[in-house]
Amino acid sequence: MNDKYERQMKKGILDMLVLKLLGQEPKYGYQIIQEMRERGGEVFLLKDGTLYPILYRLEEDGLVIGRWSEAEGKQVARKYYEITAAGREAFGRMETVWKNISGGVERIMEE
């Protein structure tokens, strides 16, 4: 099967998954990539070129805010992303839509 279908299916839910992870605690990009890989059973093997446009769009929409950390010792400064109140509201709406869609798909696939 062509990877195009898999990419299209994943693309529609990545914003929701990023907001979900950021709802737990602020994270920097590589943390998000790693957590997606670990918690998603390697279904979501994101690359920087996929994640950062999502983060920039969410930031532009006011759903997350990015803040730079201070460089300490050998640790470099990192940009941490944190969900906003508007992001939590948007996540709630996305989650409701996702549950409706995934429930409908399940019902169709079971028949």
PDB file of N, CA and C in Angstrom:
ATOM      1  N   MET A   1       0.847  -1.185   0.000  1.00  0.00           N
ATOM      2  CA  MET A   1       0.000   0.000   0.000  1.00  0.00           C
ATOM      3  C   MET A   1       0.889   1.244   0.000  1.00  0.00           C
ATOM      4  N   ASN A   2       0.421   2.237  -0.646  1.00  0.00           N
ATOM      5  CA  ASN A   2       1.162   3.484  -0.768  1.00  0.00           C
ATOM      6  C   ASN A   2       1.200   4.225   0.566  1.00  0.00           C
ATOM      7  N   ASP A   3       2.380   4.763   0.919  1.00  0.00           N
ATOM      8  CA  ASP A   3       2.532   5.529   2.159  1.00  0.00           C
ATOM      9  C   ASP A   3       1.680   6.789   2.169  1.00  0.00           C
ATOM     10  N   LYS A   4       1.233   7.220   1.013  1.00  0.00           N
ATOM     11  CA  LYS A   4       0.432   8.440   0.908  1.00  0.00           C
ATOM     12  C   LYS A   4      -0.812   8.351   1.785  1.00  0.00           C
ATOM     13  N   TYR A   5      -1.475   7.207   1.815  1.00  0.00           N
ATOM     14  CA  TYR A   5      -2.695   7.055   2.607  1.00  0.00           C
ATOM     15  C   TYR A   5      -2.400   7.130   4.094  1.00  0.00           C
ATOM     16  N   GLU A   6      -1.319   6.505   4.499  1.00  0.00           N
ATOM     17  CA  GLU A   6      -0.944   6.553   5.910  1.00  0.00           C
ATOM     18  C   GLU A   6      -0.620   7.988   6.323  1.00  0.00           C
ATOM     19  N   ARG A   7       0.146   8.705   5.513  1.00  0.00           N
ATOM     20  CA  ARG A   7       0.496  10.094   5.823  1.00  0.00           C
ATOM     21  C   ARG A   7      -0.748  10.971   5.920  1.00  0.00           C
ATOM     22  N   GLN A   8      -1.685  10.781   5.015  1.00  0.00           N
ATOM     23  CA  GLN A   8      -2.907  11.589   5.034  1.00  0.00           C
ATOM     24  C   GLN A   8      -3.713  11.335   6.303  1.00  0.00           C
ATOM     25  N   MET A   9      -3.805  10.086   6.717  1.00  0.00           N
ATOM     26  CA  MET A   9      -4.568   9.766   7.922  1.00  0.00           C
ATOM     27  C   MET A   9      -3.908  10.365   9.160  1.00  0.00           C
ATOM     28  N   LYS A  10      -2.599  10.287   9.248  1.00  0.00           N
ATOM     29  CA  LYS A  10      -1.878  10.810  10.408  1.00  0.00           C
ATOM     30  C   LYS A  10      -1.910  12.330  10.446  1.00  0.00           C
ATOM     31  N   LYS A  11      -1.808  12.960   9.290  1.00  0.00           N
ATOM     32  CA  LYS A  11      -1.710  14.408   9.218  1.00  0.00           C
ATOM     33  C   LYS A  11      -2.863  15.105   9.942  1.00  0.00           C
ATOM     34  N   GLY A  12      -4.043  14.569   9.828  1.00  0.00           N
ATOM     35  CA  GLY A  12      -5.210  15.198  10.412  1.00  0.00           C
ATOM     36  C   GLY A  12      -5.266  15.166  11.929  1.00  0.00           C
ATOM     37  N   ILE A  13      -4.457  14.315  12.565  1.00  0.00           N
ATOM     38  CA  ILE A  13      -4.551  14.196  14.020  1.00  0.00           C
ATOM     39  C   ILE A  13      -3.298  14.666  14.760  1.00  0.00           C
ATOM     40  N   LEU A  14      -2.270  15.067  14.028  1.00  0.00           N
ATOM     41  CA  LEU A  14      -1.024  15.451  14.697  1.00  0.00           C
ATOM     42  C   LEU A  14      -1.180  16.673  15.589  1.00  0.00           C
ATOM     43  N   ASP A  15      -1.954  17.675  15.171  1.00  0.00           N
ATOM     44  CA  ASP A  15      -2.165  18.851  16.026  1.00  0.00           C
ATOM     45  C   ASP A  15      -2.755  18.426  17.371  1.00  0.00           C
ATOM     46  N   MET A  16      -3.750  17.556  17.315  1.00  0.00           N
ATOM     47  CA  MET A  16      -4.411  17.090  18.529  1.00  0.00           C
ATOM     48  C   MET A  16      -3.423  16.346  19.429  1.00  0.00           C
ATOM     49  N   LEU A  17      -2.591  15.492  18.859  1.00  0.00           N
ATOM     50  CA  LEU A  17      -1.645  14.718  19.658  1.00  0.00           C
ATOM     51  C   LEU A  17      -0.574  15.611  20.285  1.00  0.00           C
ATOM     52  N   VAL A  18      -0.101  16.602  19.562  1.00  0.00           N
ATOM     53  CA  VAL A  18       0.876  17.537  20.110  1.00  0.00           C
ATOM     54  C   VAL A  18       0.255  18.304  21.276  1.00  0.00           C
ATOM     55  N   LEU A  19      -0.973  18.773  21.106  1.00  0.00           N
ATOM     56  CA  LEU A  19      -1.647  19.482  22.206  1.00  0.00           C
ATOM     57  C   LEU A  19      -1.837  18.571  23.411  1.00  0.00           C
ATOM     58  N   LYS A  20      -2.163  17.313  23.174  1.00  0.00           N
ATOM     59  CA  LYS A  20      -2.329  16.354  24.269  1.00  0.00           C
ATOM     60  C   LYS A  20      -1.031  16.236  25.072  1.00  0.00           C
ATOM     61  N   LEU A  21       0.093  16.064  24.375  1.00  0.00           N
ATOM     62  CA  LEU A  21       1.371  15.919  25.071  1.00  0.00           C
ATOM     63  C   LEU A  21       1.759  17.194  25.810  1.00  0.00           C
ATOM     64  N   LEU A  22       1.500  18.333  25.205  1.00  0.00           N
ATOM     65  CA  LEU A  22       1.842  19.604  25.858  1.00  0.00           C
ATOM     66  C   LEU A  22       0.905  19.916  27.017  1.00  0.00           C
ATOM     67  N   GLY A  23      -0.261  19.303  27.037  1.00  0.00           N
ATOM     68  CA  GLY A  23      -1.190  19.490  28.147  1.00  0.00           C
ATOM     69  C   GLY A  23      -0.689  18.870  29.433  1.00  0.00           C
ATOM     70  N   GLN A  24       0.279  17.977  29.330  1.00  0.00           N
ATOM     71  CA  GLN A  24       0.828  17.320  30.518  1.00  0.00           C
ATOM     72  C   GLN A  24       1.939  18.147  31.161  1.00  0.00           C
ATOM     73  N   GLU A  25       2.783  18.751  30.320  1.00  0.00           N
ATOM     74  CA  GLU A  25       3.861  19.623  30.789  1.00  0.00           C
ATOM     75  C   GLU A  25       4.517  20.271  29.576  1.00  0.00           C
ATOM     76  N   PRO A  26       5.176  21.409  29.772  1.00  0.00           N
ATOM     77  CA  PRO A  26       5.902  22.020  28.651  1.00  0.00           C
ATOM     78  C   PRO A  26       7.004  21.071  28.165  1.00  0.00           C
ATOM     79  N   LYS A  27       7.229  21.078  26.858  1.00  0.00           N
ATOM     80  CA  LYS A  27       8.235  20.203  26.275  1.00  0.00           C
ATOM     81  C   LYS A  27       8.945  20.928  25.140  1.00  0.00           C
ATOM     82  N   TYR A  28      10.155  20.507  24.844  1.00  0.00           N
ATOM     83  CA  TYR A  28      10.845  21.019  23.671  1.00  0.00           C
ATOM     84  C   TYR A  28      10.661  20.008  22.539  1.00  0.00           C
ATOM     85  N   GLY A  29      10.980  20.418  21.337  1.00  0.00           N
ATOM     86  CA  GLY A  29      10.664  19.629  20.152  1.00  0.00           C
ATOM     87  C   GLY A  29      11.115  18.186  20.188  1.00  0.00           C
ATOM     88  N   TYR A  30      12.379  17.960  20.527  1.00  0.00           N
ATOM     89  CA  TYR A  30      12.883  16.589  20.526  1.00  0.00           C
ATOM     90  C   TYR A  30      12.145  15.720  21.541  1.00  0.00           C
ATOM     91  N   GLN A  31      11.751  16.299  22.678  1.00  0.00           N
ATOM     92  CA  GLN A  31      10.965  15.550  23.671  1.00  0.00           C
ATOM     93  C   GLN A  31       9.645  15.092  23.066  1.00  0.00           C
ATOM     94  N   ILE A  32       9.014  15.970  22.319  1.00  0.00           N
ATOM     95  CA  ILE A  32       7.728  15.634  21.695  1.00  0.00           C
ATOM     96  C   ILE A  32       7.923  14.496  20.699  1.00  0.00           C
ATOM     97  N   ILE A  33       8.964  14.591  19.886  1.00  0.00           N
ATOM     98  CA  ILE A  33       9.243  13.546  18.899  1.00  0.00           C
ATOM     99  C   ILE A  33       9.467  12.207  19.590  1.00  0.00           C
ATOM    100  N   GLN A  34      10.270  12.198  20.646  1.00  0.00           N
ATOM    101  CA  GLN A  34      10.558  10.965  21.380  1.00  0.00           C
ATOM    102  C   GLN A  34       9.314  10.389  22.039  1.00  0.00           C
ATOM    103  N   GLU A  35       8.527  11.253  22.666  1.00  0.00           N
ATOM    104  CA  GLU A  35       7.334  10.769  23.361  1.00  0.00           C
ATOM    105  C   GLU A  35       6.301  10.231  22.381  1.00  0.00           C
ATOM    106  N   MET A  36       6.168  10.878  21.239  1.00  0.00           N
ATOM    107  CA  MET A  36       5.260  10.368  20.200  1.00  0.00           C
ATOM    108  C   MET A  36       5.692   8.963  19.784  1.00  0.00           C
ATOM    109  N   ARG A  37       6.986   8.791  19.594  1.00  0.00           N
ATOM    110  CA  ARG A  37       7.521   7.490  19.170  1.00  0.00           C
ATOM    111  C   ARG A  37       7.277   6.439  20.247  1.00  0.00           C
ATOM    112  N   GLU A  38       7.589   6.777  21.491  1.00  0.00           N
ATOM    113  CA  GLU A  38       7.470   5.814  22.585  1.00  0.00           C
ATOM    114  C   GLU A  38       6.024   5.467  22.901  1.00  0.00           C
ATOM    115  N   ARG A  39       5.185   6.474  23.062  1.00  0.00           N
ATOM    116  CA  ARG A  39       3.799   6.237  23.467  1.00  0.00           C
ATOM    117  C   ARG A  39       2.930   5.745  22.323  1.00  0.00           C
ATOM    118  N   GLY A  40       3.318   6.082  21.106  1.00  0.00           N
ATOM    119  CA  GLY A  40       2.538   5.678  19.942  1.00  0.00           C
ATOM    120  C   GLY A  40       2.938   4.333  19.370  1.00  0.00           C
ATOM    121  N   GLY A  41       3.831   3.622  20.065  1.00  0.00           N
ATOM    122  CA  GLY A  41       4.249   2.328  19.567  1.00  0.00           C
ATOM    123  C   GLY A  41       4.938   2.440  18.213  1.00  0.00           C
ATOM    124  N   GLU A  42       5.678   3.509  18.029  1.00  0.00           N
ATOM    125  CA  GLU A  42       6.413   3.802  16.804  1.00  0.00           C
ATOM    126  C   GLU A  42       5.514   3.988  15.582  1.00  0.00           C
ATOM    127  N   VAL A  43       4.232   4.233  15.813  1.00  0.00           N
ATOM    128  CA  VAL A  43       3.330   4.570  14.708  1.00  0.00           C
ATOM    129  C   VAL A  43       3.626   5.986  14.240  1.00  0.00           C
ATOM    130  N   PHE A  44       4.033   6.848  15.167  1.00  0.00           N
ATOM    131  CA  PHE A  44       4.304   8.247  14.848  1.00  0.00           C
ATOM    132  C   PHE A  44       5.805   8.511  14.954  1.00  0.00           C
ATOM    133  N   LEU A  45       6.498   8.297  13.849  1.00  0.00           N
ATOM    134  CA  LEU A  45       7.932   8.551  13.770  1.00  0.00           C
ATOM    135  C   LEU A  45       8.120   9.903  13.091  1.00  0.00           C
ATOM    136  N   LEU A  46       7.932  10.954  13.870  1.00  0.00           N
ATOM    137  CA  LEU A  46       7.987  12.304  13.318  1.00  0.00           C
ATOM    138  C   LEU A  46       9.418  12.756  13.099  1.00  0.00           C
ATOM    139  N   LYS A  47       9.584  13.584  12.101  1.00  0.00           N
ATOM    140  CA  LYS A  47      10.862  14.234  11.837  1.00  0.00           C
ATOM    141  C   LYS A  47      10.706  15.701  12.207  1.00  0.00           C
ATOM    142  N   ASP A  48      11.852  16.371  12.395  1.00  0.00           N
ATOM    143  CA  ASP A  48      11.834  17.809  12.708  1.00  0.00           C
ATOM    144  C   ASP A  48      11.010  18.578  11.681  1.00  0.00           C
ATOM    145  N   GLY A  49      11.166  18.216  10.432  1.00  0.00           N
ATOM    146  CA  GLY A  49      10.481  18.919   9.346  1.00  0.00           C
ATOM    147  C   GLY A  49       8.979  18.744   9.365  1.00  0.00           C
ATOM    148  N   THR A  50       8.499  17.773  10.118  1.00  0.00           N
ATOM    149  CA  THR A  50       7.055  17.575  10.291  1.00  0.00           C
ATOM    150  C   THR A  50       6.575  18.289  11.541  1.00  0.00           C
ATOM    151  N   LEU A  51       7.310  18.133  12.641  1.00  0.00           N
ATOM    152  CA  LEU A  51       6.865  18.670  13.925  1.00  0.00           C
ATOM    153  C   LEU A  51       6.920  20.192  13.993  1.00  0.00           C
ATOM    154  N   TYR A  52       8.024  20.795  13.593  1.00  0.00           N
ATOM    155  CA  TYR A  52       8.170  22.230  13.812  1.00  0.00           C
ATOM    156  C   TYR A  52       7.142  23.079  13.064  1.00  0.00           C
ATOM    157  N   PRO A  53       6.769  22.750  11.845  1.00  0.00           N
ATOM    158  CA  PRO A  53       5.681  23.523  11.231  1.00  0.00           C
ATOM    159  C   PRO A  53       4.366  23.432  12.023  1.00  0.00           C
ATOM    160  N   ILE A  54       4.120  22.280  12.634  1.00  0.00           N
ATOM    161  CA  ILE A  54       2.929  22.118  13.477  1.00  0.00           C
ATOM    162  C   ILE A  54       3.037  23.042  14.689  1.00  0.00           C
ATOM    163  N   LEU A  55       4.189  23.021  15.356  1.00  0.00           N
ATOM    164  CA  LEU A  55       4.381  23.877  16.532  1.00  0.00           C
ATOM    165  C   LEU A  55       4.272  25.354  16.173  1.00  0.00           C
ATOM    166  N   TYR A  56       4.853  25.747  15.046  1.00  0.00           N
ATOM    167  CA  TYR A  56       4.778  27.153  14.631  1.00  0.00           C
ATOM    168  C   TYR A  56       3.342  27.560  14.338  1.00  0.00           C
ATOM    169  N   ARG A  57       2.587  26.668  13.699  1.00  0.00           N
ATOM    170  CA  ARG A  57       1.187  26.967  13.387  1.00  0.00           C
ATOM    171  C   ARG A  57       0.359  27.070  14.668  1.00  0.00           C
ATOM    172  N   LEU A  58       0.575  26.142  15.598  1.00  0.00           N
ATOM    173  CA  LEU A  58      -0.148  26.185  16.869  1.00  0.00           C
ATOM    174  C   LEU A  58       0.201  27.442  17.652  1.00  0.00           C
ATOM    175  N   GLU A  59       1.460  27.845  17.567  1.00  0.00           N
ATOM    176  CA  GLU A  59       1.891  29.071  18.251  1.00  0.00           C
ATOM    177  C   GLU A  59       1.244  30.290  17.596  1.00  0.00           C
ATOM    178  N   GLU A  60       1.226  30.314  16.286  1.00  0.00           N
ATOM    179  CA  GLU A  60       0.608  31.429  15.555  1.00  0.00           C
ATOM    180  C   GLU A  60      -0.886  31.531  15.864  1.00  0.00           C
ATOM    181  N   ASP A  61      -1.530  30.380  16.064  1.00  0.00           N
ATOM    182  CA  ASP A  61      -2.963  30.356  16.367  1.00  0.00           C
ATOM    183  C   ASP A  61      -3.260  30.635  17.848  1.00  0.00           C
ATOM    184  N   GLY A  62      -2.214  30.807  18.654  1.00  0.00           N
ATOM    185  CA  GLY A  62      -2.412  31.107  20.071  1.00  0.00           C
ATOM    186  C   GLY A  62      -2.736  29.890  20.919  1.00  0.00           C
ATOM    187  N   LEU A  63      -2.506  28.688  20.379  1.00  0.00           N
ATOM    188  CA  LEU A  63      -2.832  27.470  21.113  1.00  0.00           C
ATOM    189  C   LEU A  63      -1.667  26.990  21.976  1.00  0.00           C
ATOM    190  N   VAL A  64      -0.462  27.387  21.605  1.00  0.00           N
ATOM    191  CA  VAL A  64       0.721  27.116  22.425  1.00  0.00           C
ATOM    192  C   VAL A  64       1.564  28.376  22.464  1.00  0.00           C
ATOM    193  N   ILE A  65       2.429  28.423  23.456  1.00  0.00           N
ATOM    194  CA  ILE A  65       3.380  29.529  23.552  1.00  0.00           C
ATOM    195  C   ILE A  65       4.766  28.915  23.707  1.00  0.00           C
ATOM    196  N   GLY A  66       5.731  29.481  23.001  1.00  0.00           N
ATOM    197  CA  GLY A  66       7.099  28.995  23.091  1.00  0.00           C
ATOM    198  C   GLY A  66       7.939  29.934  23.932  1.00  0.00           C
ATOM    199  N   ARG A  67       8.757  29.353  24.794  1.00  0.00           N
ATOM    200  CA  ARG A  67       9.652  30.136  25.651  1.00  0.00           C
ATOM    201  C   ARG A  67      11.030  29.493  25.635  1.00  0.00           C
ATOM    202  N   TRP A  68      12.045  30.328  25.495  1.00  0.00           N
ATOM    203  CA  TRP A  68      13.414  29.829  25.495  1.00  0.00           C
ATOM    204  C   TRP A  68      13.898  29.641  26.927  1.00  0.00           C
ATOM    205  N   SER A  69      14.579  28.519  27.155  1.00  0.00           N
ATOM    206  CA  SER A  69      15.210  28.278  28.459  1.00  0.00           C
ATOM    207  C   SER A  69      16.585  28.945  28.456  1.00  0.00           C
ATOM    208  N   GLU A  70      17.115  29.127  29.622  1.00  0.00           N
ATOM    209  CA  GLU A  70      18.468  29.673  29.757  1.00  0.00           C
ATOM    210  C   GLU A  70      19.469  28.538  29.560  1.00  0.00           C
ATOM    211  N   ALA A  71      20.559  28.835  28.881  1.00  0.00           N
ATOM    212  CA  ALA A  71      21.636  27.853  28.740  1.00  0.00           C
ATOM    213  C   ALA A  71      22.348  27.756  30.084  1.00  0.00           C
ATOM    214  N   GLU A  72      22.522  26.536  30.574  1.00  0.00           N
ATOM    215  CA  GLU A  72      23.185  26.326  31.863  1.00  0.00           C
ATOM    216  C   GLU A  72      24.291  25.300  31.694  1.00  0.00           C
ATOM    217  N   GLY A  73      25.504  25.694  32.004  1.00  0.00           N
ATOM    218  CA  GLY A  73      26.629  24.773  31.881  1.00  0.00           C
ATOM    219  C   GLY A  73      26.770  24.286  30.449  1.00  0.00           C
ATOM    220  N   LYS A  74      26.751  22.976  30.300  1.00  0.00           N
ATOM    221  CA  LYS A  74      26.875  22.375  28.966  1.00  0.00           C
ATOM    222  C   LYS A  74      25.538  22.275  28.250  1.00  0.00           C
ATOM    223  N   GLN A  75      24.461  22.511  28.979  1.00  0.00           N
ATOM    224  CA  GLN A  75      23.125  22.424  28.379  1.00  0.00           C
ATOM    225  C   GLN A  75      22.849  23.679  27.550  1.00  0.00           C
ATOM    226  N   VAL A  76      22.394  23.455  26.330  1.00  0.00           N
ATOM    227  CA  VAL A  76      22.094  24.577  25.437  1.00  0.00           C
ATOM    228  C   VAL A  76      20.693  25.118  25.728  1.00  0.00           C
ATOM    229  N   ALA A  77      20.453  26.336  25.299  1.00  0.00           N
ATOM    230  CA  ALA A  77      19.106  26.906  25.433  1.00  0.00           C
ATOM    231  C   ALA A  77      18.162  26.122  24.531  1.00  0.00           C
ATOM    232  N   ARG A  78      16.965  25.878  25.023  1.00  0.00           N
ATOM    233  CA  ARG A  78      15.959  25.146  24.258  1.00  0.00           C
ATOM    234  C   ARG A  78      14.661  25.932  24.287  1.00  0.00           C
ATOM    235  N   LYS A  79      13.890  25.772  23.229  1.00  0.00           N
ATOM    236  CA  LYS A  79      12.583  26.405  23.189  1.00  0.00           C
ATOM    237  C   LYS A  79      11.554  25.387  23.673  1.00  0.00           C
ATOM    238  N   TYR A  80      10.929  25.706  24.795  1.00  0.00           N
ATOM    239  CA  TYR A  80       9.891  24.859  25.366  1.00  0.00           C
ATOM    240  C   TYR A  80       8.536  25.383  24.923  1.00  0.00           C
ATOM    241  N   TYR A  81       7.660  24.481  24.587  1.00  0.00           N
ATOM    242  CA  TYR A  81       6.309  24.845  24.170  1.00  0.00           C
ATOM    243  C   TYR A  81       5.341  24.447  25.266  1.00  0.00           C
ATOM    244  N   GLU A  82       4.391  25.344  25.527  1.00  0.00           N
ATOM    245  CA  GLU A  82       3.409  25.145  26.593  1.00  0.00           C
ATOM    246  C   GLU A  82       2.021  25.430  26.029  1.00  0.00           C
ATOM    247  N   ILE A  83       1.065  24.612  26.387  1.00  0.00           N
ATOM    248  CA  ILE A  83      -0.302  24.805  25.905  1.00  0.00           C
ATOM    249  C   ILE A  83      -0.924  26.013  26.624  1.00  0.00           C
ATOM    250  N   THR A  84      -1.741  26.758  25.905  1.00  0.00           N
ATOM    251  CA  THR A  84      -2.447  27.913  26.479  1.00  0.00           C
ATOM    252  C   THR A  84      -3.873  27.495  26.843  1.00  0.00           C
ATOM    253  N   ALA A  85      -4.595  28.394  27.489  1.00  0.00           N
ATOM    254  CA  ALA A  85      -6.005  28.115  27.803  1.00  0.00           C
ATOM    255  C   ALA A  85      -6.788  27.884  26.509  1.00  0.00           C
ATOM    256  N   ALA A  86      -6.517  28.692  25.490  1.00  0.00           N
ATOM    257  CA  ALA A  86      -7.186  28.504  24.198  1.00  0.00           C
ATOM    258  C   ALA A  86      -6.808  27.154  23.597  1.00  0.00           C
ATOM    259  N   GLY A  87      -5.566  26.725  23.813  1.00  0.00           N
ATOM    260  CA  GLY A  87      -5.118  25.419  23.323  1.00  0.00           C
ATOM    261  C   GLY A  87      -5.837  24.278  24.019  1.00  0.00           C
ATOM    262  N   ARG A  88      -6.084  24.442  25.321  1.00  0.00           N
ATOM    263  CA  ARG A  88      -6.827  23.400  26.056  1.00  0.00           C
ATOM    264  C   ARG A  88      -8.269  23.303  25.550  1.00  0.00           C
ATOM    265  N   GLU A  89      -8.866  24.445  25.284  1.00  0.00           N
ATOM    266  CA  GLU A  89     -10.231  24.448  24.741  1.00  0.00           C
ATOM    267  C   GLU A  89     -10.261  23.806  23.360  1.00  0.00           C
ATOM    268  N   ALA A  90      -9.304  24.179  22.511  1.00  0.00           N
ATOM    269  CA  ALA A  90      -9.234  23.619  21.159  1.00  0.00           C
ATOM    270  C   ALA A  90      -9.008  22.119  21.227  1.00  0.00           C
ATOM    271  N   PHE A  91      -8.127  21.676  22.147  1.00  0.00           N
ATOM    272  CA  PHE A  91      -7.896  20.243  22.303  1.00  0.00           C
ATOM    273  C   PHE A  91      -9.184  19.524  22.668  1.00  0.00           C
ATOM    274  N   GLY A  92      -9.953  20.079  23.582  1.00  0.00           N
ATOM    275  CA  GLY A  92     -11.221  19.461  23.975  1.00  0.00           C
ATOM    276  C   GLY A  92     -12.162  19.280  22.796  1.00  0.00           C
ATOM    277  N   ARG A  93     -12.226  20.302  21.946  1.00  0.00           N
ATOM    278  CA  ARG A  93     -13.080  20.201  20.748  1.00  0.00           C
ATOM    279  C   ARG A  93     -12.531  19.157  19.782  1.00  0.00           C
ATOM    280  N   MET A  94     -11.211  19.160  19.575  1.00  0.00           N
ATOM    281  CA  MET A  94     -10.591  18.181  18.677  1.00  0.00           C
ATOM    282  C   MET A  94     -10.821  16.760  19.165  1.00  0.00           C
ATOM    283  N   GLU A  95     -10.689  16.569  20.470  1.00  0.00           N
ATOM    284  CA  GLU A  95     -10.870  15.235  21.043  1.00  0.00           C
ATOM    285  C   GLU A  95     -12.300  14.740  20.832  1.00  0.00           C
ATOM    286  N   THR A  96     -13.278  15.623  20.996  1.00  0.00           N
ATOM    287  CA  THR A  96     -14.678  15.252  20.765  1.00  0.00           C
ATOM    288  C   THR A  96     -14.895  14.846  19.310  1.00  0.00           C
ATOM    289  N   VAL A  97     -14.362  15.648  18.399  1.00  0.00           N
ATOM    290  CA  VAL A  97     -14.488  15.333  16.970  1.00  0.00           C
ATOM    291  C   VAL A  97     -13.815  14.000  16.672  1.00  0.00           C
ATOM    292  N   TRP A  98     -12.612  13.796  17.211  1.00  0.00           N
ATOM    293  CA  TRP A  98     -11.884  12.550  16.979  1.00  0.00           C
ATOM    294  C   TRP A  98     -12.679  11.338  17.486  1.00  0.00           C
ATOM    295  N   LYS A  99     -13.251  11.450  18.664  1.00  0.00           N
ATOM    296  CA  LYS A  99     -14.027  10.325  19.213  1.00  0.00           C
ATOM    297  C   LYS A  99     -15.224  10.011  18.320  1.00  0.00           C
ATOM    298  N   ASN A 100     -15.883  11.048  17.806  1.00  0.00           N
ATOM    299  CA  ASN A 100     -17.013  10.824  16.903  1.00  0.00           C
ATOM    300  C   ASN A 100     -16.568  10.144  15.616  1.00  0.00           C
ATOM    301  N   ILE A 101     -15.477  10.632  15.048  1.00  0.00           N
ATOM    302  CA  ILE A 101     -14.971  10.062  13.794  1.00  0.00           C
ATOM    303  C   ILE A 101     -14.489   8.630  14.002  1.00  0.00           C
ATOM    304  N   SER A 102     -13.669   8.422  15.021  1.00  0.00           N
ATOM    305  CA  SER A 102     -13.113   7.080  15.230  1.00  0.00           C
ATOM    306  C   SER A 102     -14.206   6.084  15.606  1.00  0.00           C
ATOM    307  N   GLY A 103     -15.211   6.541  16.347  1.00  0.00           N
ATOM    308  CA  GLY A 103     -16.345   5.662  16.658  1.00  0.00           C
ATOM    309  C   GLY A 103     -17.114   5.286  15.414  1.00  0.00           C
ATOM    310  N   GLY A 104     -17.342   6.239  14.525  1.00  0.00           N
ATOM    311  CA  GLY A 104     -18.037   5.949  13.276  1.00  0.00           C
ATOM    312  C   GLY A 104     -17.247   5.003  12.402  1.00  0.00           C
ATOM    313  N   VAL A 105     -15.938   5.212  12.331  1.00  0.00           N
ATOM    314  CA  VAL A 105     -15.093   4.323  11.541  1.00  0.00           C
ATOM    315  C   VAL A 105     -15.146   2.907  12.108  1.00  0.00           C
ATOM    316  N   GLU A 106     -15.048   2.791  13.421  1.00  0.00           N
ATOM    317  CA  GLU A 106     -15.109   1.471  14.065  1.00  0.00           C
ATOM    318  C   GLU A 106     -16.409   0.747  13.732  1.00  0.00           C
ATOM    319  N   ARG A 107     -17.517   1.473  13.800  1.00  0.00           N
ATOM    320  CA  ARG A 107     -18.808   0.848  13.508  1.00  0.00           C
ATOM    321  C   ARG A 107     -18.868   0.352  12.063  1.00  0.00           C
ATOM    322  N   ILE A 108     -18.338   1.117  11.151  1.00  0.00           N
ATOM    323  CA  ILE A 108     -18.341   0.712   9.743  1.00  0.00           C
ATOM    324  C   ILE A 108     -17.410  -0.464   9.529  1.00  0.00           C
ATOM    325  N   MET A 109     -16.242  -0.442  10.126  1.00  0.00           N
ATOM    326  CA  MET A 109     -15.255  -1.492   9.919  1.00  0.00           C
ATOM    327  C   MET A 109     -15.683  -2.818  10.546  1.00  0.00           C
ATOM    328  N   GLU A 110     -16.512  -2.781  11.578  1.00  0.00           N
ATOM    329  CA  GLU A 110     -16.960  -3.999  12.235  1.00  0.00           C
ATOM    330  C   GLU A 110     -17.980  -4.758  11.414  1.00  0.00           C
ATOM    331  N   GLU A 111     -18.652  -4.089  10.515  1.00  0.00           N
ATOM    332  CA  GLU A 111     -19.730  -4.749   9.761  1.00  0.00           C
ATOM    333  C   GLU A 111     -19.203  -5.603   8.645  1.00  0.00           C
TER     334      GLU A 111
END
